[in-house]
C-alpha cells in the first residue's frame, strides 16, 4: 500500500511541477497516461537514483549536496525521454526546466509524503 501512496504522491508532485514550471509539459490527455508516467518516475527513483547517488558521493560532498539537484534534473530528463518513446506525453524542454522541475517535485513530494504518511523516513508526522 505504501508504494501505491508513493506513486500517487509522485503523480501529484509531477502535476504541480507541470503547472508551475514553464519548461515542463503534458500533452497526453488521458489521466491513466499521467499515472503511468508517475509509475515510471517511481521506478527511476527506486532503482537508478540510488546507484547514481552512490557513484557521485565525492562530488556531492564537495558541493554540500547541491549536486543531487543535478542528478534529479538528469533523471527528470530521462523520464521525458522514456515518456517520448512510450508516447505518454510528458516533456521537458531543457536542463534548466528539468532543474526547476526537480526542485518543485522534491518540495511538493516531500510535503505530500509527510501529510499522507508515504514517506521513507523512519519518523512520520501522521
N, C-alpha and C. Protein backbone atom coordinates (compact mmCIF):
# COMPACT_ATOMS: atom_id res chain seq x y z
N UNK A 1 0.82 -1.20 0.00
CA UNK A 1 0.00 0.00 0.00
C UNK A 1 0.86 1.26 0.00
N UNK A 2 2.02 1.15 0.63
CA UNK A 2 2.91 2.31 0.70
C UNK A 2 3.43 2.70 -0.68
N UNK A 3 3.68 1.71 -1.54
CA UNK A 3 4.14 2.00 -2.90
C UNK A 3 3.06 2.72 -3.71
N UNK A 4 1.80 2.32 -3.52
CA UNK A 4 0.70 2.97 -4.22
C UNK A 4 0.59 4.43 -3.78
N UNK A 5 0.71 4.68 -2.49
CA UNK A 5 0.70 6.06 -1.98
C UNK A 5 1.87 6.86 -2.55
N UNK A 6 3.04 6.22 -2.63
CA UNK A 6 4.21 6.92 -3.15
C UNK A 6 4.02 7.27 -4.63
N UNK A 7 3.39 6.38 -5.39
CA UNK A 7 3.13 6.67 -6.81
C UNK A 7 2.13 7.82 -6.93
N UNK A 8 1.11 7.84 -6.08
CA UNK A 8 0.14 8.94 -6.11
C UNK A 8 0.77 10.26 -5.70
N UNK A 9 1.67 10.21 -4.72
CA UNK A 9 2.40 11.41 -4.31
C UNK A 9 3.28 11.90 -5.46
N UNK A 10 3.96 10.97 -6.13
CA UNK A 10 4.79 11.36 -7.29
C UNK A 10 3.94 11.95 -8.40
N UNK A 11 2.76 11.38 -8.63
CA UNK A 11 1.87 11.92 -9.66
C UNK A 11 1.44 13.34 -9.32
N UNK A 12 1.09 13.57 -8.07
CA UNK A 12 0.67 14.91 -7.66
C UNK A 12 1.84 15.90 -7.76
N UNK A 13 3.03 15.47 -7.35
CA UNK A 13 4.20 16.35 -7.43
C UNK A 13 4.56 16.66 -8.88
N UNK A 14 4.46 15.66 -9.75
CA UNK A 14 4.71 15.90 -11.17
C UNK A 14 3.69 16.86 -11.76
N UNK A 15 2.43 16.71 -11.36
CA UNK A 15 1.37 17.59 -11.88
C UNK A 15 1.60 19.03 -11.45
N UNK A 16 1.97 19.23 -10.19
CA UNK A 16 2.24 20.58 -9.70
C UNK A 16 3.42 21.17 -10.46
N UNK A 17 4.44 20.37 -10.72
CA UNK A 17 5.60 20.86 -11.46
C UNK A 17 5.23 21.22 -12.89
N UNK A 18 4.37 20.43 -13.52
CA UNK A 18 3.93 20.73 -14.89
C UNK A 18 3.15 22.05 -14.91
N UNK A 19 2.36 22.30 -13.88
CA UNK A 19 1.57 23.52 -13.83
C UNK A 19 2.45 24.74 -13.55
N UNK A 20 3.45 24.60 -12.68
CA UNK A 20 4.25 25.74 -12.23
C UNK A 20 5.43 26.04 -13.15
N UNK A 21 6.18 25.03 -13.54
CA UNK A 21 7.43 25.24 -14.28
C UNK A 21 7.13 25.39 -15.77
N UNK A 22 7.59 26.48 -16.39
CA UNK A 22 7.27 26.74 -17.80
C UNK A 22 7.81 25.71 -18.79
N UNK A 23 8.93 25.06 -18.52
CA UNK A 23 9.51 24.13 -19.49
C UNK A 23 9.00 22.71 -19.42
N UNK A 24 8.17 22.40 -18.45
CA UNK A 24 7.60 21.06 -18.34
C UNK A 24 6.24 21.05 -19.01
N UNK A 25 5.96 19.97 -19.73
CA UNK A 25 4.70 19.92 -20.45
C UNK A 25 4.02 18.58 -20.35
N UNK A 26 2.71 18.60 -20.54
CA UNK A 26 1.90 17.40 -20.53
C UNK A 26 0.91 17.51 -21.68
N UNK A 27 0.98 16.56 -22.60
CA UNK A 27 0.06 16.57 -23.72
C UNK A 27 -0.58 15.20 -23.94
N UNK A 28 -0.56 14.37 -22.91
CA UNK A 28 -1.06 13.02 -23.04
C UNK A 28 -2.57 12.91 -23.09
N UNK A 29 -3.25 13.83 -22.43
CA UNK A 29 -4.70 13.83 -22.47
C UNK A 29 -5.35 12.98 -21.42
N UNK A 30 -5.15 11.68 -21.45
CA UNK A 30 -5.82 10.78 -20.51
C UNK A 30 -5.09 10.72 -19.18
N UNK A 31 -5.85 10.57 -18.11
CA UNK A 31 -5.27 10.55 -16.77
C UNK A 31 -4.43 9.30 -16.54
N UNK A 32 -4.77 8.18 -17.16
CA UNK A 32 -4.02 6.95 -16.92
C UNK A 32 -2.61 7.03 -17.50
N UNK A 33 -2.43 7.83 -18.54
CA UNK A 33 -1.09 8.02 -19.08
C UNK A 33 -0.22 8.79 -18.09
N UNK A 34 -0.81 9.78 -17.44
CA UNK A 34 -0.06 10.55 -16.44
C UNK A 34 0.28 9.67 -15.24
N UNK A 35 -0.64 8.79 -14.88
CA UNK A 35 -0.37 7.85 -13.80
C UNK A 35 0.75 6.88 -14.19
N UNK A 36 0.79 6.50 -15.44
CA UNK A 36 1.88 5.64 -15.93
C UNK A 36 3.22 6.38 -15.90
N UNK A 37 3.20 7.68 -16.20
CA UNK A 37 4.41 8.49 -16.08
C UNK A 37 4.88 8.50 -14.63
N UNK A 38 3.95 8.60 -13.69
CA UNK A 38 4.31 8.58 -12.26
C UNK A 38 4.89 7.23 -11.86
N UNK A 39 4.38 6.14 -12.44
CA UNK A 39 4.92 4.81 -12.15
C UNK A 39 6.35 4.71 -12.67
N UNK A 40 6.59 5.19 -13.88
CA UNK A 40 7.95 5.18 -14.44
C UNK A 40 8.87 6.05 -13.60
N UNK A 41 8.37 7.19 -13.16
CA UNK A 41 9.15 8.09 -12.31
C UNK A 41 9.51 7.41 -10.99
N UNK A 42 8.58 6.67 -10.41
CA UNK A 42 8.84 5.94 -9.17
C UNK A 42 9.88 4.85 -9.39
N UNK A 43 9.80 4.16 -10.51
CA UNK A 43 10.79 3.12 -10.81
C UNK A 43 12.18 3.71 -11.01
N UNK A 44 12.26 4.84 -11.70
CA UNK A 44 13.55 5.51 -11.87
C UNK A 44 14.12 5.91 -10.52
N UNK A 45 13.28 6.48 -9.66
CA UNK A 45 13.75 6.91 -8.35
C UNK A 45 14.11 5.73 -7.45
N UNK A 46 13.48 4.58 -7.66
CA UNK A 46 13.76 3.42 -6.82
C UNK A 46 15.01 2.66 -7.23
N UNK A 47 15.30 2.61 -8.53
CA UNK A 47 16.38 1.76 -9.00
C UNK A 47 17.59 2.50 -9.53
N UNK A 48 17.40 3.57 -10.24
CA UNK A 48 18.54 4.26 -10.86
C UNK A 48 19.13 5.32 -9.92
N UNK A 49 18.27 6.05 -9.24
CA UNK A 49 18.74 7.14 -8.38
C UNK A 49 19.70 6.68 -7.28
N UNK A 50 19.43 5.58 -6.57
CA UNK A 50 20.39 5.16 -5.54
C UNK A 50 21.77 4.82 -6.10
N UNK A 51 21.82 4.24 -7.28
CA UNK A 51 23.10 3.92 -7.90
C UNK A 51 23.87 5.20 -8.21
N UNK A 52 23.18 6.17 -8.79
CA UNK A 52 23.83 7.45 -9.11
C UNK A 52 24.28 8.19 -7.86
N UNK A 53 23.50 8.08 -6.80
CA UNK A 53 23.89 8.76 -5.54
C UNK A 53 25.16 8.15 -4.97
N UNK A 54 25.29 6.83 -5.05
CA UNK A 54 26.49 6.17 -4.54
C UNK A 54 27.71 6.54 -5.39
N UNK A 55 27.53 6.54 -6.71
CA UNK A 55 28.64 6.85 -7.61
C UNK A 55 29.12 8.29 -7.41
N UNK A 56 28.21 9.21 -7.12
CA UNK A 56 28.57 10.63 -7.04
C UNK A 56 28.75 11.13 -5.61
N UNK A 57 29.02 10.24 -4.67
CA UNK A 57 29.23 10.68 -3.28
C UNK A 57 30.35 11.72 -3.16
N UNK A 58 31.52 11.52 -3.77
CA UNK A 58 32.57 12.53 -3.60
C UNK A 58 32.17 13.93 -4.07
N UNK A 59 31.57 14.03 -5.25
CA UNK A 59 31.18 15.36 -5.75
C UNK A 59 30.01 15.92 -4.95
N UNK A 60 29.16 15.06 -4.43
CA UNK A 60 28.06 15.54 -3.58
C UNK A 60 28.59 16.12 -2.28
N UNK A 61 29.62 15.50 -1.76
CA UNK A 61 30.23 16.03 -0.53
C UNK A 61 30.90 17.37 -0.81
N UNK A 62 31.61 17.47 -1.93
CA UNK A 62 32.28 18.72 -2.27
C UNK A 62 31.30 19.87 -2.50
N UNK A 63 30.14 19.57 -3.05
CA UNK A 63 29.15 20.61 -3.33
C UNK A 63 28.11 20.74 -2.22
N UNK A 64 28.34 20.06 -1.12
CA UNK A 64 27.43 20.08 0.04
C UNK A 64 26.02 19.62 -0.33
N UNK A 65 25.94 18.65 -1.23
CA UNK A 65 24.67 18.06 -1.59
C UNK A 65 23.95 18.73 -2.74
N UNK A 66 24.46 19.84 -3.24
CA UNK A 66 23.79 20.54 -4.33
C UNK A 66 23.85 19.76 -5.64
N UNK A 67 24.83 18.87 -5.78
CA UNK A 67 24.92 18.06 -7.00
C UNK A 67 23.74 17.09 -7.10
N UNK A 68 23.11 16.79 -5.98
CA UNK A 68 21.93 15.92 -6.01
C UNK A 68 20.80 16.55 -6.82
N UNK A 69 20.74 17.88 -6.86
CA UNK A 69 19.76 18.56 -7.70
C UNK A 69 20.05 18.31 -9.18
N UNK A 70 21.32 18.24 -9.54
CA UNK A 70 21.69 17.94 -10.92
C UNK A 70 21.28 16.51 -11.27
N UNK A 71 21.50 15.59 -10.33
CA UNK A 71 21.09 14.19 -10.55
C UNK A 71 19.58 14.12 -10.75
N UNK A 72 18.83 14.82 -9.91
CA UNK A 72 17.37 14.82 -10.04
C UNK A 72 16.94 15.40 -11.39
N UNK A 73 17.62 16.44 -11.84
CA UNK A 73 17.29 17.04 -13.14
C UNK A 73 17.59 16.06 -14.28
N UNK A 74 18.70 15.37 -14.19
CA UNK A 74 19.04 14.39 -15.22
C UNK A 74 18.04 13.24 -15.24
N UNK A 75 17.58 12.82 -14.08
CA UNK A 75 16.57 11.77 -14.02
C UNK A 75 15.23 12.24 -14.58
N UNK A 76 14.93 13.52 -14.41
CA UNK A 76 13.71 14.06 -15.00
C UNK A 76 13.82 14.12 -16.52
N UNK A 77 15.01 14.41 -17.03
CA UNK A 77 15.24 14.36 -18.48
C UNK A 77 15.13 12.92 -18.99
N UNK A 78 15.60 11.96 -18.20
CA UNK A 78 15.45 10.55 -18.56
C UNK A 78 13.98 10.16 -18.60
N UNK A 79 13.21 10.64 -17.63
CA UNK A 79 11.77 10.38 -17.63
C UNK A 79 11.12 10.95 -18.89
N UNK A 80 11.54 12.12 -19.30
CA UNK A 80 11.00 12.72 -20.52
C UNK A 80 11.33 11.89 -21.74
N UNK A 81 12.55 11.36 -21.81
CA UNK A 81 12.94 10.52 -22.94
C UNK A 81 12.14 9.22 -22.97
N UNK A 82 11.95 8.61 -21.81
CA UNK A 82 11.16 7.38 -21.74
C UNK A 82 9.71 7.67 -22.12
N UNK A 83 9.19 8.78 -21.64
CA UNK A 83 7.82 9.17 -21.97
C UNK A 83 7.65 9.40 -23.47
N UNK A 84 8.67 9.97 -24.08
CA UNK A 84 8.61 10.20 -25.52
C UNK A 84 8.59 8.88 -26.28
N UNK A 85 9.40 7.93 -25.85
CA UNK A 85 9.45 6.63 -26.51
C UNK A 85 8.15 5.85 -26.34
N UNK A 86 7.51 5.99 -25.18
CA UNK A 86 6.27 5.27 -24.92
C UNK A 86 5.03 6.07 -25.33
N UNK A 87 5.23 7.26 -25.88
CA UNK A 87 4.14 8.14 -26.33
C UNK A 87 3.17 8.46 -25.19
N UNK A 88 3.74 8.85 -24.05
CA UNK A 88 2.92 9.17 -22.88
C UNK A 88 2.58 10.66 -22.77
N UNK A 89 3.38 11.53 -23.37
CA UNK A 89 3.02 12.95 -23.42
C UNK A 89 3.72 13.85 -22.42
N UNK A 90 4.64 13.34 -21.61
CA UNK A 90 5.36 14.18 -20.66
C UNK A 90 6.64 14.68 -21.32
N UNK A 91 6.86 15.99 -21.32
CA UNK A 91 8.04 16.56 -21.97
C UNK A 91 8.77 17.53 -21.05
N UNK A 92 10.08 17.61 -21.26
CA UNK A 92 10.92 18.58 -20.57
C UNK A 92 11.72 19.30 -21.65
N UNK A 93 11.67 20.63 -21.66
CA UNK A 93 12.26 21.42 -22.74
C UNK A 93 13.77 21.62 -22.63
N UNK A 94 14.35 21.44 -21.49
CA UNK A 94 15.79 21.62 -21.37
C UNK A 94 16.25 21.39 -19.94
N UNK A 95 17.56 21.58 -19.74
CA UNK A 95 18.13 21.29 -18.43
C UNK A 95 17.63 22.25 -17.36
N UNK A 96 17.49 23.52 -17.70
CA UNK A 96 17.03 24.50 -16.70
C UNK A 96 15.61 24.16 -16.25
N UNK A 97 14.75 23.80 -17.19
CA UNK A 97 13.39 23.40 -16.83
C UNK A 97 13.42 22.13 -15.98
N UNK A 98 14.31 21.20 -16.31
CA UNK A 98 14.43 19.97 -15.52
C UNK A 98 14.93 20.28 -14.11
N UNK A 99 15.86 21.21 -14.00
CA UNK A 99 16.39 21.58 -12.68
C UNK A 99 15.31 22.24 -11.83
N UNK A 100 14.59 23.20 -12.41
CA UNK A 100 13.49 23.84 -11.67
C UNK A 100 12.39 22.84 -11.34
N UNK A 101 12.08 21.97 -12.30
CA UNK A 101 11.07 20.95 -12.07
C UNK A 101 11.46 19.98 -10.96
N UNK A 102 12.73 19.61 -10.92
CA UNK A 102 13.18 18.69 -9.88
C UNK A 102 13.10 19.34 -8.50
N UNK A 103 13.34 20.63 -8.43
CA UNK A 103 13.22 21.32 -7.14
C UNK A 103 11.76 21.34 -6.70
N UNK A 104 10.86 21.67 -7.61
CA UNK A 104 9.43 21.70 -7.28
C UNK A 104 8.94 20.31 -6.90
N UNK A 105 9.33 19.29 -7.68
CA UNK A 105 8.90 17.93 -7.39
C UNK A 105 9.42 17.47 -6.04
N UNK A 106 10.65 17.81 -5.71
CA UNK A 106 11.22 17.42 -4.42
C UNK A 106 10.47 18.05 -3.26
N UNK A 107 10.18 19.33 -3.37
CA UNK A 107 9.49 20.03 -2.27
C UNK A 107 8.06 19.53 -2.13
N UNK A 108 7.32 19.47 -3.23
CA UNK A 108 5.92 19.03 -3.17
C UNK A 108 5.83 17.57 -2.75
N UNK A 109 6.72 16.74 -3.29
CA UNK A 109 6.73 15.33 -2.91
C UNK A 109 7.03 15.12 -1.44
N UNK A 110 7.96 15.90 -0.92
CA UNK A 110 8.31 15.78 0.50
C UNK A 110 7.13 16.20 1.38
N UNK A 111 6.51 17.32 1.04
CA UNK A 111 5.37 17.80 1.84
C UNK A 111 4.22 16.81 1.79
N UNK A 112 3.88 16.33 0.60
CA UNK A 112 2.78 15.38 0.47
C UNK A 112 3.09 14.05 1.16
N UNK A 113 4.33 13.60 1.10
CA UNK A 113 4.70 12.37 1.78
C UNK A 113 4.55 12.50 3.29
N UNK A 114 4.87 13.67 3.80
CA UNK A 114 4.71 13.89 5.24
C UNK A 114 3.24 13.94 5.62
N UNK A 115 2.40 14.48 4.76
CA UNK A 115 0.98 14.61 5.06
C UNK A 115 0.26 13.26 5.00
N UNK A 116 0.50 12.51 3.92
CA UNK A 116 -0.22 11.24 3.76
C UNK A 116 0.48 10.06 4.41
N UNK A 117 1.70 10.24 4.85
CA UNK A 117 2.40 9.16 5.54
C UNK A 117 3.09 8.19 4.62
N UNK A 118 3.40 8.58 3.40
CA UNK A 118 4.08 7.69 2.46
C UNK A 118 5.57 7.95 2.43
N UNK A 119 6.07 8.58 3.45
CA UNK A 119 7.48 8.95 3.48
C UNK A 119 8.34 7.73 3.75
N UNK A 120 9.56 7.76 3.24
CA UNK A 120 10.51 6.69 3.50
C UNK A 120 11.31 6.96 4.76
N UNK A 121 11.05 8.08 5.38
CA UNK A 121 11.76 8.44 6.59
C UNK A 121 11.19 7.66 7.76
N UNK A 122 12.03 7.27 8.74
CA UNK A 122 11.53 6.45 9.85
C UNK A 122 10.53 7.19 10.75
N UNK A 123 10.68 8.48 10.94
CA UNK A 123 9.76 9.23 11.78
C UNK A 123 8.74 9.96 10.96
N UNK A 124 7.52 9.48 10.93
CA UNK A 124 6.46 10.11 10.15
C UNK A 124 5.67 11.05 11.03
N UNK A 125 5.14 12.09 10.39
CA UNK A 125 4.32 13.04 11.14
C UNK A 125 2.95 12.46 11.46
N UNK A 126 2.32 11.83 10.49
CA UNK A 126 0.97 11.29 10.70
C UNK A 126 0.96 9.78 10.56
